[in-house]
Amino acid sequence: MNRRRKTRPEQRTEKTFSLHWGSGIIEEEVQIATPYHVPTIQLLKYTAGPAAGRRSVRFCHYDTHGRFQRSPLIVDEKDIEALAAALMKAPRLRMILAMLGSRVSLPLRSVRYRNSGV
């Protein structure tokens, strides 16, 4: 006898965050998997606290078991293309990050860093 298993409609639960200056929901998130960690870019939407009504971008990562890590995000240059492709699923986040590139007017080789001798 062929029985069909009843499935519940998938419920999407919102991820939340809480920082000293406000809390809210993760409005958009993109991730890629690497052998060492899961680089992640998140669009945070503040719904409470002093930052309520604002948005921020968080660059973070999870370990390979899905646990959030409180250390800097480091992305291998070979993974940048995959992360950029993942951004196609997050239009608001992609638009905000595009502003980073649009503000660059000088070629990198002509930028001089103060006190670095470069």
C-alpha atoms as a PDB file:
ATOM      1  CA  MET A   1       0.000   0.000   0.000  1.00  0.00           C
ATOM      2  CA  ASN A   2       1.330   3.391  -0.981  1.00  0.00           C
ATOM      3  CA  ARG A   3       0.695   5.855   1.821  1.00  0.00           C
ATOM      4  CA  ARG A   4       1.424   9.480   1.415  1.00  0.00           C
ATOM      5  CA  ARG A   5       3.018  11.156   4.343  1.00  0.00           C
ATOM      6  CA  LYS A   6       1.279  14.329   5.425  1.00  0.00           C
ATOM      7  CA  THR A   7       3.651  17.226   5.682  1.00  0.00           C
ATOM      8  CA  ARG A   8       3.170  20.493   7.449  1.00  0.00           C
ATOM      9  CA  PRO A   9       3.549  23.661   5.486  1.00  0.00           C
ATOM     10  CA  GLU A  10       7.053  24.970   6.044  1.00  0.00           C
ATOM     11  CA  GLN A  11       6.997  27.788   8.554  1.00  0.00           C
ATOM     12  CA  ARG A  12       9.739  30.319   8.214  1.00  0.00           C
ATOM     13  CA  THR A  13      10.864  31.581  11.573  1.00  0.00           C
ATOM     14  CA  GLU A  14      12.629  34.895  11.668  1.00  0.00           C
ATOM     15  CA  LYS A  15      16.117  34.998  13.067  1.00  0.00           C
ATOM     16  CA  THR A  16      16.592  37.638  15.707  1.00  0.00           C
ATOM     17  CA  PHE A  17      19.574  39.492  17.136  1.00  0.00           C
ATOM     18  CA  SER A  18      20.267  41.602  20.193  1.00  0.00           C
ATOM     19  CA  LEU A  19      23.038  44.168  20.551  1.00  0.00           C
ATOM     20  CA  HIS A  20      23.705  46.865  23.163  1.00  0.00           C
ATOM     21  CA  TRP A  21      22.182  49.564  20.937  1.00  0.00           C
ATOM     22  CA  GLY A  22      19.137  47.659  19.748  1.00  0.00           C
ATOM     23  CA  SER A  23      17.532  44.390  18.762  1.00  0.00           C
ATOM     24  CA  GLY A  24      15.506  43.159  15.854  1.00  0.00           C
ATOM     25  CA  ILE A  25      15.318  40.687  13.002  1.00  0.00           C
ATOM     26  CA  ILE A  26      17.738  39.478  10.368  1.00  0.00           C
ATOM     27  CA  GLU A  27      15.914  40.772   7.315  1.00  0.00           C
ATOM     28  CA  GLU A  28      18.197  39.171   4.694  1.00  0.00           C
ATOM     29  CA  GLU A  29      21.063  36.733   4.971  1.00  0.00           C
ATOM     30  CA  VAL A  30      23.457  35.105   2.536  1.00  0.00           C
ATOM     31  CA  GLN A  31      25.824  32.257   3.357  1.00  0.00           C
ATOM     32  CA  ILE A  32      28.271  29.979   1.643  1.00  0.00           C
ATOM     33  CA  ALA A  33      29.779  26.788   3.001  1.00  0.00           C
ATOM     34  CA  THR A  34      33.525  26.280   3.108  1.00  0.00           C
ATOM     35  CA  PRO A  35      35.509  23.435   4.658  1.00  0.00           C
ATOM     36  CA  TYR A  36      36.321  25.597   7.695  1.00  0.00           C
ATOM     37  CA  HIS A  37      33.290  27.798   8.380  1.00  0.00           C
ATOM     38  CA  VAL A  38      30.145  29.370   6.908  1.00  0.00           C
ATOM     39  CA  PRO A  39      30.832  32.996   5.897  1.00  0.00           C
ATOM     40  CA  THR A  40      27.656  35.040   6.305  1.00  0.00           C
ATOM     41  CA  ILE A  41      26.467  38.544   5.484  1.00  0.00           C
ATOM     42  CA  GLN A  42      23.314  39.726   7.240  1.00  0.00           C
ATOM     43  CA  LEU A  43      21.030  42.722   6.898  1.00  0.00           C
ATOM     44  CA  LEU A  44      19.953  43.592  10.432  1.00  0.00           C
ATOM     45  CA  LYS A  45      16.707  45.503  10.907  1.00  0.00           C
ATOM     46  CA  TYR A  46      16.405  47.139  14.328  1.00  0.00           C
ATOM     47  CA  THR A  47      12.910  47.023  15.797  1.00  0.00           C
ATOM     48  CA  ALA A  48      13.700  48.046  19.391  1.00  0.00           C
ATOM     49  CA  GLY A  49      16.190  50.156  21.322  1.00  0.00           C
ATOM     50  CA  PRO A  50      18.001  53.372  20.369  1.00  0.00           C
ATOM     51  CA  ALA A  51      18.641  52.095  16.815  1.00  0.00           C
ATOM     52  CA  ALA A  52      14.978  51.185  16.124  1.00  0.00           C
ATOM     53  CA  GLY A  53      14.012  51.905  12.523  1.00  0.00           C
ATOM     54  CA  ARG A  54      17.581  51.617  11.205  1.00  0.00           C
ATOM     55  CA  ARG A  55      19.419  48.848   9.353  1.00  0.00           C
ATOM     56  CA  SER A  56      23.005  47.590   9.604  1.00  0.00           C
ATOM     57  CA  VAL A  57      25.116  45.069   7.717  1.00  0.00           C
ATOM     58  CA  ARG A  58      26.864  42.380   9.754  1.00  0.00           C
ATOM     59  CA  PHE A  59      29.754  40.343   8.350  1.00  0.00           C
ATOM     60  CA  CYS A  60      29.991  37.209  10.461  1.00  0.00           C
ATOM     61  CA  HIS A  61      30.376  33.452  10.288  1.00  0.00           C
ATOM     62  CA  TYR A  62      29.109  30.216  11.737  1.00  0.00           C
ATOM     63  CA  ASP A  63      31.175  27.137  12.456  1.00  0.00           C
ATOM     64  CA  THR A  64      30.573  23.986  10.444  1.00  0.00           C
ATOM     65  CA  HIS A  65      28.072  22.827  13.089  1.00  0.00           C
ATOM     66  CA  GLY A  66      25.892  25.934  12.671  1.00  0.00           C
ATOM     67  CA  ARG A  67      27.023  27.810  15.790  1.00  0.00           C
ATOM     68  CA  PHE A  68      27.445  31.600  15.537  1.00  0.00           C
ATOM     69  CA  GLN A  69      31.055  32.687  16.029  1.00  0.00           C
ATOM     70  CA  ARG A  70      32.125  35.929  17.685  1.00  0.00           C
ATOM     71  CA  SER A  71      35.318  36.421  15.738  1.00  0.00           C
ATOM     72  CA  PRO A  72      36.153  38.403  12.601  1.00  0.00           C
ATOM     73  CA  LEU A  73      34.927  37.123   9.268  1.00  0.00           C
ATOM     74  CA  ILE A  74      37.789  35.997   7.071  1.00  0.00           C
ATOM     75  CA  VAL A  75      36.926  34.962   3.522  1.00  0.00           C
ATOM     76  CA  ASP A  76      39.372  33.255   1.184  1.00  0.00           C
ATOM     77  CA  GLU A  77      39.697  35.102  -2.117  1.00  0.00           C
ATOM     78  CA  LYS A  78      38.575  31.968  -3.981  1.00  0.00           C
ATOM     79  CA  ASP A  79      35.248  32.117  -2.089  1.00  0.00           C
ATOM     80  CA  ILE A  80      34.433  35.747  -2.947  1.00  0.00           C
ATOM     81  CA  GLU A  81      32.759  34.816  -6.237  1.00  0.00           C
ATOM     82  CA  ALA A  82      30.456  32.316  -4.507  1.00  0.00           C
ATOM     83  CA  LEU A  83      29.568  34.890  -1.851  1.00  0.00           C
ATOM     84  CA  ALA A  84      28.822  37.456  -4.582  1.00  0.00           C
ATOM     85  CA  ALA A  85      26.584  34.922  -6.359  1.00  0.00           C
ATOM     86  CA  ALA A  86      24.727  34.259  -3.088  1.00  0.00           C
ATOM     87  CA  LEU A  87      23.989  37.987  -2.847  1.00  0.00           C
ATOM     88  CA  MET A  88      21.711  37.640  -5.889  1.00  0.00           C
ATOM     89  CA  LYS A  89      19.090  36.236  -3.471  1.00  0.00           C
ATOM     90  CA  ALA A  90      19.233  39.310  -1.204  1.00  0.00           C
ATOM     91  CA  PRO A  91      18.291  42.457  -3.149  1.00  0.00           C
ATOM     92  CA  ARG A  92      18.386  44.966  -0.258  1.00  0.00           C
ATOM     93  CA  LEU A  93      21.680  43.664   1.034  1.00  0.00           C
ATOM     94  CA  ARG A  94      23.150  43.668  -2.481  1.00  0.00           C
ATOM     95  CA  MET A  95      22.067  47.290  -2.997  1.00  0.00           C
ATOM     96  CA  ILE A  96      23.648  48.436   0.280  1.00  0.00           C
ATOM     97  CA  LEU A  97      26.907  46.606  -0.419  1.00  0.00           C
ATOM     98  CA  ALA A  98      27.030  48.043  -3.948  1.00  0.00           C
ATOM     99  CA  MET A  99      27.413  51.451  -2.310  1.00  0.00           C
ATOM    100  CA  LEU A 100      30.843  50.355  -1.052  1.00  0.00           C
ATOM    101  CA  GLY A 101      32.158  49.943  -4.583  1.00  0.00           C
ATOM    102  CA  SER A 102      30.449  53.050  -5.913  1.00  0.00           C
ATOM    103  CA  ARG A 103      32.318  55.232  -3.413  1.00  0.00           C
ATOM    104  CA  VAL A 104      35.754  54.116  -4.616  1.00  0.00           C
ATOM    105  CA  SER A 105      37.180  56.664  -7.033  1.00  0.00           C
ATOM    106  CA  LEU A 106      40.927  55.969  -6.978  1.00  0.00           C
ATOM    107  CA  PRO A 107      42.726  52.843  -8.153  1.00  0.00           C
ATOM    108  CA  LEU A 108      43.985  50.918  -5.139  1.00  0.00           C
ATOM    109  CA  ARG A 109      47.621  51.229  -6.175  1.00  0.00           C
ATOM    110  CA  SER A 110      47.446  55.022  -5.961  1.00  0.00           C
ATOM    111  CA  VAL A 111      46.025  55.095  -2.436  1.00  0.00           C
ATOM    112  CA  ARG A 112      48.616  56.116   0.166  1.00  0.00           C
ATOM    113  CA  TYR A 113      48.126  54.972   3.731  1.00  0.00           C
ATOM    114  CA  ARG A 114      49.134  57.353   6.511  1.00  0.00           C
ATOM    115  CA  ASN A 115      52.031  56.114   8.678  1.00  0.00           C
ATOM    116  CA  SER A 116      52.342  52.863   6.747  1.00  0.00           C
ATOM    117  CA  GLY A 117      55.192  53.742   4.413  1.00  0.00           C
ATOM    118  CA  VAL A 118      53.166  52.470   1.436  1.00  0.00           C
END
